[in-house]
PDB file of N, CA and C in Angstrom:
ATOM      1  N   MET A   1      63.451 -33.847 -16.725  1.00  0.00           N
ATOM      2  CA  MET A   1      62.065 -34.015 -16.234  1.00  0.00           C
ATOM      3  C   MET A   1      61.054 -33.887 -17.335  1.00  0.00           C
ATOM      4  N   PRO A   2      60.234 -34.949 -17.505  1.00  0.00           N
ATOM      5  CA  PRO A   2      59.182 -34.946 -18.554  1.00  0.00           C
ATOM      6  C   PRO A   2      58.141 -33.679 -18.485  1.00  0.00           C
ATOM      7  N   ARG A   3      57.729 -33.384 -19.623  1.00  0.00           N
ATOM      8  CA  ARG A   3      56.815 -32.299 -19.859  1.00  0.00           C
ATOM      9  C   ARG A   3      55.438 -32.774 -19.237  1.00  0.00           C
ATOM     10  N   SER A   4      54.709 -31.830 -18.634  1.00  0.00           N
ATOM     11  CA  SER A   4      53.393 -32.153 -18.272  1.00  0.00           C
ATOM     12  C   SER A   4      52.270 -31.652 -19.326  1.00  0.00           C
ATOM     13  N   ASN A   5      51.413 -32.618 -19.617  1.00  0.00           N
ATOM     14  CA  ASN A   5      50.422 -32.304 -20.742  1.00  0.00           C
ATOM     15  C   ASN A   5      49.207 -31.833 -20.112  1.00  0.00           C
ATOM     16  N   ARG A   6      49.024 -31.639 -18.643  1.00  0.00           N
ATOM     17  CA  ARG A   6      47.887 -31.213 -18.156  1.00  0.00           C
ATOM     18  C   ARG A   6      47.691 -29.701 -18.395  1.00  0.00           C
ATOM     19  N   PRO A   7      46.330 -29.267 -18.507  1.00  0.00           N
ATOM     20  CA  PRO A   7      46.171 -27.806 -18.674  1.00  0.00           C
ATOM     21  C   PRO A   7      46.472 -27.097 -17.295  1.00  0.00           C
ATOM     22  N   ARG A   8      47.061 -25.901 -17.333  1.00  0.00           N
ATOM     23  CA  ARG A   8      47.470 -25.213 -16.153  1.00  0.00           C
ATOM     24  C   ARG A   8      46.333 -24.499 -15.383  1.00  0.00           C
ATOM     25  N   ARG A   9      45.315 -24.218 -16.163  1.00  0.00           N
ATOM     26  CA  ARG A   9      44.130 -23.547 -15.612  1.00  0.00           C
ATOM     27  C   ARG A   9      42.945 -24.346 -15.563  1.00  0.00           C
ATOM     28  N   PRO A  10      42.142 -24.244 -14.620  1.00  0.00           N
ATOM     29  CA  PRO A  10      40.853 -25.124 -14.531  1.00  0.00           C
ATOM     30  C   PRO A  10      39.957 -24.839 -15.690  1.00  0.00           C
ATOM     31  N   ARG A  11      39.351 -25.858 -16.053  1.00  0.00           N
ATOM     32  CA  ARG A  11      38.321 -25.673 -17.338  1.00  0.00           C
ATOM     33  C   ARG A  11      36.869 -25.227 -16.914  1.00  0.00           C
ATOM     34  N   ASP A  12      36.617 -25.321 -15.573  1.00  0.00           N
ATOM     35  CA  ASP A  12      35.292 -25.046 -15.218  1.00  0.00           C
ATOM     36  C   ASP A  12      35.164 -23.486 -14.829  1.00  0.00           C
ATOM     37  N   ARG A  13      36.103 -22.658 -15.000  1.00  0.00           N
ATOM     38  CA  ARG A  13      36.086 -21.288 -14.809  1.00  0.00           C
ATOM     39  C   ARG A  13      35.199 -20.631 -15.930  1.00  0.00           C
ATOM     40  N   PRO A  14      34.284 -19.692 -15.661  1.00  0.00           N
ATOM     41  CA  PRO A  14      33.561 -19.083 -16.616  1.00  0.00           C
ATOM     42  C   PRO A  14      34.475 -18.154 -17.528  1.00  0.00           C
ATOM     43  N   LYS A  15      34.020 -18.160 -18.732  1.00  0.00           N
ATOM     44  CA  LYS A  15      34.876 -17.271 -19.662  1.00  0.00           C
ATOM     45  C   LYS A  15      34.415 -15.796 -19.384  1.00  0.00           C
ATOM     46  N   ASP A  16      35.215 -14.708 -19.892  1.00  0.00           N
ATOM     47  CA  ASP A  16      34.944 -13.404 -19.637  1.00  0.00           C
ATOM     48  C   ASP A  16      33.685 -13.036 -20.110  1.00  0.00           C
ATOM     49  N   ASP A  17      33.217 -13.400 -21.352  1.00  0.00           N
ATOM     50  CA  ASP A  17      32.086 -12.970 -21.914  1.00  0.00           C
ATOM     51  C   ASP A  17      30.805 -13.686 -21.263  1.00  0.00           C
ATOM     52  N   GLU A  18      31.056 -14.742 -20.441  1.00  0.00           N
ATOM     53  CA  GLU A  18      29.871 -15.368 -19.618  1.00  0.00           C
ATOM     54  C   GLU A  18      29.649 -14.665 -18.497  1.00  0.00           C
ATOM     55  N   SER A  19      30.653 -14.017 -17.867  1.00  0.00           N
ATOM     56  CA  SER A  19      30.510 -13.453 -16.475  1.00  0.00           C
ATOM     57  C   SER A  19      30.308 -11.882 -16.690  1.00  0.00           C
ATOM     58  N   GLY A  20      29.035 -11.349 -16.712  1.00  0.00           N
ATOM     59  CA  GLY A  20      28.747 -10.057 -16.734  1.00  0.00           C
ATOM     60  C   GLY A  20      29.157  -9.419 -18.211  1.00  0.00           C
ATOM     61  N   GLY A  21      29.079 -10.147 -19.187  1.00  0.00           N
ATOM     62  CA  GLY A  21      29.437  -9.668 -20.516  1.00  0.00           C
ATOM     63  C   GLY A  21      28.406  -8.678 -21.006  1.00  0.00           C
ATOM     64  N   ILE A  22      27.050  -8.970 -20.655  1.00  0.00           N
ATOM     65  CA  ILE A  22      25.994  -8.006 -21.163  1.00  0.00           C
ATOM     66  C   ILE A  22      26.191  -6.700 -20.423  1.00  0.00           C
ATOM     67  N   GLU A  23      26.345  -6.833 -19.137  1.00  0.00           N
ATOM     68  CA  GLU A  23      26.477  -5.649 -18.392  1.00  0.00           C
ATOM     69  C   GLU A  23      27.587  -4.759 -18.713  1.00  0.00           C
ATOM     70  N   ARG A  24      28.695  -5.459 -18.920  1.00  0.00           N
ATOM     71  CA  ARG A  24      29.956  -4.820 -19.425  1.00  0.00           C
ATOM     72  C   ARG A  24      29.718  -4.077 -20.715  1.00  0.00           C
ATOM     73  N   ALA A  25      28.962  -4.771 -21.652  1.00  0.00           N
ATOM     74  CA  ALA A  25      28.776  -4.094 -22.969  1.00  0.00           C
ATOM     75  C   ALA A  25      27.890  -2.896 -22.862  1.00  0.00           C
ATOM     76  N   ILE A  26      26.868  -2.995 -21.964  1.00  0.00           N
ATOM     77  CA  ILE A  26      25.856  -1.822 -21.792  1.00  0.00           C
ATOM     78  C   ILE A  26      26.720  -0.667 -21.114  1.00  0.00           C
ATOM     79  N   ARG A  27      27.425  -0.847 -20.006  1.00  0.00           N
ATOM     80  CA  ARG A  27      28.100   0.156 -19.279  1.00  0.00           C
ATOM     81  C   ARG A  27      29.461   0.495 -19.686  1.00  0.00           C
ATOM     82  N   GLY A  28      29.940  -0.233 -20.701  1.00  0.00           N
ATOM     83  CA  GLY A  28      31.264   0.098 -21.194  1.00  0.00           C
ATOM     84  C   GLY A  28      32.379  -0.268 -20.265  1.00  0.00           C
ATOM     85  N   GLY A  29      32.228  -1.456 -19.459  1.00  0.00           N
ATOM     86  CA  GLY A  29      33.421  -1.851 -18.629  1.00  0.00           C
ATOM     87  C   GLY A  29      33.388  -1.122 -17.243  1.00  0.00           C
ATOM     88  N   ALA A  30      32.456  -0.357 -16.920  1.00  0.00           N
ATOM     89  CA  ALA A  30      32.402   0.337 -15.677  1.00  0.00           C
ATOM     90  C   ALA A  30      32.059  -0.628 -14.622  1.00  0.00           C
ATOM     91  N   THR A  31      32.653  -0.422 -13.415  1.00  0.00           N
ATOM     92  CA  THR A  31      32.346  -1.291 -12.276  1.00  0.00           C
ATOM     93  C   THR A  31      31.956  -0.295 -11.199  1.00  0.00           C
ATOM     94  N   THR A  32      31.313  -0.854 -10.109  1.00  0.00           N
ATOM     95  CA  THR A  32      30.835  -0.087  -8.900  1.00  0.00           C
ATOM     96  C   THR A  32      31.798  -0.432  -7.697  1.00  0.00           C
ATOM     97  N   GLU A  33      32.351   0.493  -7.140  1.00  0.00           N
ATOM     98  CA  GLU A  33      33.209   0.253  -5.902  1.00  0.00           C
ATOM     99  C   GLU A  33      32.810   1.134  -4.779  1.00  0.00           C
ATOM    100  N   THR A  34      32.900   0.665  -3.600  1.00  0.00           N
ATOM    101  CA  THR A  34      32.598   1.500  -2.367  1.00  0.00           C
ATOM    102  C   THR A  34      33.803   1.885  -1.640  1.00  0.00           C
ATOM    103  N   ARG A  35      33.918   3.265  -1.430  1.00  0.00           N
ATOM    104  CA  ARG A  35      34.948   3.783  -0.731  1.00  0.00           C
ATOM    105  C   ARG A  35      34.522   4.760   0.253  1.00  0.00           C
ATOM    106  N   HIS A  36      34.953   4.606   1.530  1.00  0.00           N
ATOM    107  CA  HIS A  36      34.614   5.554   2.653  1.00  0.00           C
ATOM    108  C   HIS A  36      32.985   5.627   2.766  1.00  0.00           C
ATOM    109  N   GLY A  37      32.417   4.540   2.626  1.00  0.00           N
ATOM    110  CA  GLY A  37      30.892   4.538   2.672  1.00  0.00           C
ATOM    111  C   GLY A  37      30.042   5.094   1.608  1.00  0.00           C
ATOM    112  N   ARG A  38      30.684   5.376   0.454  1.00  0.00           N
ATOM    113  CA  ARG A  38      29.877   5.886  -0.625  1.00  0.00           C
ATOM    114  C   ARG A  38      30.249   4.947  -1.888  1.00  0.00           C
ATOM    115  N   SER A  39      29.322   4.899  -2.798  1.00  0.00           N
ATOM    116  CA  SER A  39      29.416   4.022  -4.014  1.00  0.00           C
ATOM    117  C   SER A  39      29.877   4.984  -5.228  1.00  0.00           C
ATOM    118  N   TYR A  40      30.917   4.422  -5.863  1.00  0.00           N
ATOM    119  CA  TYR A  40      31.449   5.042  -7.061  1.00  0.00           C
ATOM    120  C   TYR A  40      31.463   4.177  -8.162  1.00  0.00           C
ATOM    121  N   THR A  41      31.227   4.745  -9.432  1.00  0.00           N
ATOM    122  CA  THR A  41      31.319   4.009 -10.591  1.00  0.00           C
ATOM    123  C   THR A  41      32.727   4.389 -11.225  1.00  0.00           C
ATOM    124  N   VAL A  42      33.443   3.269 -11.513  1.00  0.00           N
ATOM    125  CA  VAL A  42      34.811   3.430 -11.877  1.00  0.00           C
ATOM    126  C   VAL A  42      34.901   2.771 -13.262  1.00  0.00           C
ATOM    127  N   GLN A  43      35.531   3.534 -14.251  1.00  0.00           N
ATOM    128  CA  GLN A  43      35.714   2.939 -15.650  1.00  0.00           C
ATOM    129  C   GLN A  43      37.100   3.287 -16.044  1.00  0.00           C
ATOM    130  N   ALA A  44      37.759   2.212 -16.491  1.00  0.00           N
ATOM    131  CA  ALA A  44      39.152   2.299 -16.950  1.00  0.00           C
ATOM    132  C   ALA A  44      39.207   2.878 -18.299  1.00  0.00           C
ATOM    133  N   ILE A  45      40.292   3.729 -18.580  1.00  0.00           N
ATOM    134  CA  ILE A  45      40.471   4.339 -19.823  1.00  0.00           C
ATOM    135  C   ILE A  45      41.879   3.792 -20.326  1.00  0.00           C
ATOM    136  N   GLY A  46      41.949   3.323 -21.514  1.00  0.00           N
ATOM    137  CA  GLY A  46      43.167   2.785 -22.033  1.00  0.00           C
ATOM    138  C   GLY A  46      44.047   3.966 -22.591  1.00  0.00           C
ATOM    139  N   ALA A  47      45.293   3.694 -22.742  1.00  0.00           N
ATOM    140  CA  ALA A  47      46.232   4.743 -23.125  1.00  0.00           C
ATOM    141  C   ALA A  47      45.894   5.334 -24.541  1.00  0.00           C
ATOM    142  N   SER A  48      45.389   4.457 -25.433  1.00  0.00           N
ATOM    143  CA  SER A  48      45.050   4.958 -26.821  1.00  0.00           C
ATOM    144  C   SER A  48      43.812   5.884 -26.744  1.00  0.00           C
ATOM    145  N   SER A  49      42.990   5.667 -25.799  1.00  0.00           N
ATOM    146  CA  SER A  49      41.645   6.516 -25.585  1.00  0.00           C
ATOM    147  C   SER A  49      41.954   7.797 -24.876  1.00  0.00           C
ATOM    148  N   SER A  50      43.052   7.884 -24.291  1.00  0.00           N
ATOM    149  CA  SER A  50      43.348   9.170 -23.382  1.00  0.00           C
ATOM    150  C   SER A  50      43.963  10.173 -24.307  1.00  0.00           C
ATOM    151  N   VAL A  51      43.246  11.213 -24.725  1.00  0.00           N
ATOM    152  CA  VAL A  51      43.672  12.160 -25.699  1.00  0.00           C
ATOM    153  C   VAL A  51      43.835  13.555 -24.959  1.00  0.00           C
ATOM    154  N   LYS A  52      43.237  13.795 -23.837  1.00  0.00           N
ATOM    155  CA  LYS A  52      43.314  15.181 -23.195  1.00  0.00           C
ATOM    156  C   LYS A  52      44.212  15.004 -21.938  1.00  0.00           C
ATOM    157  N   GLU A  53      44.433  16.226 -21.345  1.00  0.00           N
ATOM    158  CA  GLU A  53      45.268  16.336 -20.184  1.00  0.00           C
ATOM    159  C   GLU A  53      44.352  16.654 -19.043  1.00  0.00           C
ATOM    160  N   TYR A  54      44.506  15.934 -17.857  1.00  0.00           N
ATOM    161  CA  TYR A  54      43.604  16.120 -16.715  1.00  0.00           C
ATOM    162  C   TYR A  54      44.506  16.315 -15.414  1.00  0.00           C
ATOM    163  N   VAL A  55      43.916  16.767 -14.413  1.00  0.00           N
ATOM    164  CA  VAL A  55      44.579  16.896 -13.130  1.00  0.00           C
ATOM    165  C   VAL A  55      44.017  15.783 -12.185  1.00  0.00           C
ATOM    166  N   CYS A  56      44.897  15.029 -11.663  1.00  0.00           N
ATOM    167  CA  CYS A  56      44.448  13.837 -10.738  1.00  0.00           C
ATOM    168  C   CYS A  56      44.090  14.508  -9.358  1.00  0.00           C
ATOM    169  N   PRO A  57      42.876  14.192  -8.915  1.00  0.00           N
ATOM    170  CA  PRO A  57      42.490  14.705  -7.559  1.00  0.00           C
ATOM    171  C   PRO A  57      43.186  14.024  -6.422  1.00  0.00           C
ATOM    172  N   GLY A  58      43.850  12.849  -6.662  1.00  0.00           N
ATOM    173  CA  GLY A  58      44.572  12.205  -5.617  1.00  0.00           C
ATOM    174  C   GLY A  58      45.852  12.822  -5.300  1.00  0.00           C
ATOM    175  N   CYS A  59      46.570  13.257  -6.350  1.00  0.00           N
ATOM    176  CA  CYS A  59      48.055  13.679  -6.137  1.00  0.00           C
ATOM    177  C   CYS A  59      48.127  15.021  -6.703  1.00  0.00           C
ATOM    178  N   SER A  60      47.248  15.681  -7.349  1.00  0.00           N
ATOM    179  CA  SER A  60      47.306  16.905  -7.995  1.00  0.00           C
ATOM    180  C   SER A  60      48.287  17.112  -9.043  1.00  0.00           C
ATOM    181  N   LEU A  61      48.698  16.018  -9.592  1.00  0.00           N
ATOM    182  CA  LEU A  61      49.651  16.005 -10.836  1.00  0.00           C
ATOM    183  C   LEU A  61      48.905  15.800 -12.042  1.00  0.00           C
ATOM    184  N   ILE A  62      49.540  15.957 -13.190  1.00  0.00           N
ATOM    185  CA  ILE A  62      48.820  15.897 -14.469  1.00  0.00           C
ATOM    186  C   ILE A  62      48.815  14.386 -14.838  1.00  0.00           C
ATOM    187  N   VAL A  63      47.499  14.054 -15.424  1.00  0.00           N
ATOM    188  CA  VAL A  63      47.322  12.773 -16.154  1.00  0.00           C
ATOM    189  C   VAL A  63      47.577  13.062 -17.556  1.00  0.00           C
ATOM    190  N   ALA A  64      48.760  12.711 -18.087  1.00  0.00           N
ATOM    191  CA  ALA A  64      49.147  13.044 -19.382  1.00  0.00           C
ATOM    192  C   ALA A  64      48.334  12.412 -20.485  1.00  0.00           C
ATOM    193  N   PRO A  65      48.202  12.995 -21.709  1.00  0.00           N
ATOM    194  CA  PRO A  65      47.624  12.255 -22.875  1.00  0.00           C
ATOM    195  C   PRO A  65      48.416  11.010 -23.155  1.00  0.00           C
ATOM    196  N   GLY A  66      47.762   9.994 -23.424  1.00  0.00           N
ATOM    197  CA  GLY A  66      48.395   8.697 -23.688  1.00  0.00           C
ATOM    198  C   GLY A  66      48.754   7.853 -22.479  1.00  0.00           C
ATOM    199  N   THR A  67      48.210   8.186 -21.372  1.00  0.00           N
ATOM    200  CA  THR A  67      48.324   7.476 -20.099  1.00  0.00           C
ATOM    201  C   THR A  67      47.045   6.816 -19.700  1.00  0.00           C
ATOM    202  N   ALA A  68      47.219   5.425 -19.417  1.00  0.00           N
ATOM    203  CA  ALA A  68      46.057   4.801 -18.997  1.00  0.00           C
ATOM    204  C   ALA A  68      45.614   5.187 -17.576  1.00  0.00           C
ATOM    205  N   HIS A  69      44.321   5.399 -17.236  1.00  0.00           N
ATOM    206  CA  HIS A  69      43.961   5.919 -16.064  1.00  0.00           C
ATOM    207  C   HIS A  69      42.523   5.500 -15.765  1.00  0.00           C
ATOM    208  N   VAL A  70      41.864   5.951 -14.703  1.00  0.00           N
ATOM    209  CA  VAL A  70      40.455   5.610 -14.507  1.00  0.00           C
ATOM    210  C   VAL A  70      39.672   6.882 -14.317  1.00  0.00           C
ATOM    211  N   VAL A  71      38.366   6.824 -14.682  1.00  0.00           N
ATOM    212  CA  VAL A  71      37.372   7.800 -14.603  1.00  0.00           C
ATOM    213  C   VAL A  71      36.384   7.476 -13.472  1.00  0.00           C
ATOM    214  N   VAL A  72      36.130   8.404 -12.458  1.00  0.00           N
ATOM    215  CA  VAL A  72      35.371   7.966 -11.299  1.00  0.00           C
ATOM    216  C   VAL A  72      34.296   8.947 -11.011  1.00  0.00           C
ATOM    217  N   TRP A  73      33.113   8.477 -10.737  1.00  0.00           N
ATOM    218  CA  TRP A  73      31.926   9.424 -10.394  1.00  0.00           C
ATOM    219  C   TRP A  73      31.146   8.711  -9.418  1.00  0.00           C
ATOM    220  N   ARG A  74      30.301   9.550  -8.592  1.00  0.00           N
ATOM    221  CA  ARG A  74      29.484   8.923  -7.642  1.00  0.00           C
ATOM    222  C   ARG A  74      28.361   8.126  -8.168  1.00  0.00           C
ATOM    223  N   ALA A  75      28.012   7.034  -7.660  1.00  0.00           N
ATOM    224  CA  ALA A  75      27.027   6.158  -8.160  1.00  0.00           C
ATOM    225  C   ALA A  75      25.725   6.321  -7.350  1.00  0.00           C
ATOM    226  N   ASP A  76      25.696   6.997  -6.300  1.00  0.00           N
ATOM    227  CA  ASP A  76      24.599   7.208  -5.479  1.00  0.00           C
ATOM    228  C   ASP A  76      24.473   8.694  -4.981  1.00  0.00           C
ATOM    229  N   GLY A  77      24.625   9.614  -5.870  1.00  0.00           N
ATOM    230  CA  GLY A  77      24.504  10.966  -5.680  1.00  0.00           C
ATOM    231  C   GLY A  77      23.063  11.376  -5.293  1.00  0.00           C
ATOM    232  N   LEU A  78      22.910  12.521  -4.685  1.00  0.00           N
ATOM    233  CA  LEU A  78      21.525  13.011  -4.237  1.00  0.00           C
ATOM    234  C   LEU A  78      20.864  13.671  -5.414  1.00  0.00           C
ATOM    235  N   PHE A  79      21.633  14.336  -6.314  1.00  0.00           N
ATOM    236  CA  PHE A  79      20.884  15.127  -7.362  1.00  0.00           C
ATOM    237  C   PHE A  79      20.694  14.410  -8.688  1.00  0.00           C
ATOM    238  N   GLY A  80      20.930  13.139  -8.675  1.00  0.00           N
ATOM    239  CA  GLY A  80      20.663  12.329  -9.934  1.00  0.00           C
ATOM    240  C   GLY A  80      21.903  12.002 -10.803  1.00  0.00           C
ATOM    241  N   GLU A  81      21.695  11.045 -11.701  1.00  0.00           N
ATOM    242  CA  GLU A  81      22.813  10.538 -12.506  1.00  0.00           C
ATOM    243  C   GLU A  81      23.487  11.617 -13.402  1.00  0.00           C
ATOM    244  N   ALA A  82      22.688  12.581 -13.833  1.00  0.00           N
ATOM    245  CA  ALA A  82      23.208  13.603 -14.808  1.00  0.00           C
ATOM    246  C   ALA A  82      24.267  14.425 -14.041  1.00  0.00           C
ATOM    247  N   ASP A  83      23.893  14.755 -12.831  1.00  0.00           N
ATOM    248  CA  ASP A  83      24.869  15.617 -11.950  1.00  0.00           C
ATOM    249  C   ASP A  83      26.021  14.823 -11.593  1.00  0.00           C
ATOM    250  N   ASP A  84      25.867  13.527 -11.305  1.00  0.00           N
ATOM    251  CA  ASP A  84      27.009  12.591 -10.991  1.00  0.00           C
ATOM    252  C   ASP A  84      27.936  12.542 -12.198  1.00  0.00           C
ATOM    253  N   LEU A  85      27.417  12.391 -13.320  1.00  0.00           N
ATOM    254  CA  LEU A  85      28.299  12.355 -14.513  1.00  0.00           C
ATOM    255  C   LEU A  85      29.025  13.602 -14.796  1.00  0.00           C
ATOM    256  N   ALA A  86      28.395  14.783 -14.487  1.00  0.00           N
ATOM    257  CA  ALA A  86      29.038  16.018 -14.701  1.00  0.00           C
ATOM    258  C   ALA A  86      30.242  16.286 -13.678  1.00  0.00           C
ATOM    259  N   SER A  87      30.155  15.584 -12.515  1.00  0.00           N
ATOM    260  CA  SER A  87      31.165  15.736 -11.588  1.00  0.00           C
ATOM    261  C   SER A  87      32.218  14.597 -11.588  1.00  0.00           C
ATOM    262  N   ARG A  88      32.314  13.884 -12.620  1.00  0.00           N
ATOM    263  CA  ARG A  88      33.268  12.823 -12.761  1.00  0.00           C
ATOM    264  C   ARG A  88      34.865  13.319 -12.771  1.00  0.00           C
ATOM    265  N   ARG A  89      35.677  12.569 -12.291  1.00  0.00           N
ATOM    266  CA  ARG A  89      37.109  12.964 -12.213  1.00  0.00           C
ATOM    267  C   ARG A  89      38.041  11.928 -12.691  1.00  0.00           C
ATOM    268  N   HIS A  90      39.040  12.292 -13.319  1.00  0.00           N
ATOM    269  CA  HIS A  90      40.074  11.352 -13.948  1.00  0.00           C
ATOM    270  C   HIS A  90      41.200  11.323 -12.975  1.00  0.00           C
ATOM    271  N   TRP A  91      41.475  10.008 -12.460  1.00  0.00           N
ATOM    272  CA  TRP A  91      42.509   9.654 -11.489  1.00  0.00           C
ATOM    273  C   TRP A  91      43.608   8.813 -12.142  1.00  0.00           C
ATOM    274  N   HIS A  92      44.795   8.910 -11.690  1.00  0.00           N
ATOM    275  CA  HIS A  92      45.859   7.917 -11.878  1.00  0.00           C
ATOM    276  C   HIS A  92      45.347   6.655 -11.324  1.00  0.00           C
ATOM    277  N   THR A  93      45.489   5.507 -11.921  1.00  0.00           N
ATOM    278  CA  THR A  93      44.975   4.178 -11.421  1.00  0.00           C
ATOM    279  C   THR A  93      45.615   3.912 -10.113  1.00  0.00           C
ATOM    280  N   HIS A  94      46.960   4.216  -9.918  1.00  0.00           N
ATOM    281  CA  HIS A  94      47.525   3.996  -8.581  1.00  0.00           C
ATOM    282  C   HIS A  94      46.884   4.875  -7.483  1.00  0.00           C
ATOM    283  N   CYS A  95      46.673   6.105  -7.791  1.00  0.00           N
ATOM    284  CA  CYS A  95      46.126   7.130  -6.726  1.00  0.00           C
ATOM    285  C   CYS A  95      44.756   6.616  -6.381  1.00  0.00           C
ATOM    286  N   TRP A  96      43.874   6.152  -7.360  1.00  0.00           N
ATOM    287  CA  TRP A  96      42.600   5.645  -6.991  1.00  0.00           C
ATOM    288  C   TRP A  96      42.715   4.493  -6.037  1.00  0.00           C
ATOM    289  N   ARG A  97      43.536   3.575  -6.437  1.00  0.00           N
ATOM    290  CA  ARG A  97      43.743   2.307  -5.588  1.00  0.00           C
ATOM    291  C   ARG A  97      44.111   2.524  -4.218  1.00  0.00           C
ATOM    292  N   ILE A  98      44.918   3.528  -3.970  1.00  0.00           N
ATOM    293  CA  ILE A  98      45.356   3.785  -2.518  1.00  0.00           C
ATOM    294  C   ILE A  98      44.540   4.886  -1.838  1.00  0.00           C
ATOM    295  N   SER A  99      43.496   5.398  -2.584  1.00  0.00           N
ATOM    296  CA  SER A  99      42.683   6.307  -1.878  1.00  0.00           C
ATOM    297  C   SER A  99      41.774   5.721  -0.771  1.00  0.00           C
TER     298      SER A  99
END
């Protein structure tokens, strides 16, 4: 069968830096998600950036250093952004997805 020379992905898709690139640069890749009627800010942490040990609130197991995971905090807290950042938690990515 002859080889196809057509591109496999559409050309009219926006590139990553065109869709929210400035917002991603300002907030460091954090996104806002809604769970159980509340808004949360979720930021992915890569394995190379993970240097401490945390306890996942979803499964109560250790998030070991060198493990990719997510950091989650309330985006709509009553006591302000500083209090929300102080109450952030480190979750296994899978535990956050199924919560």
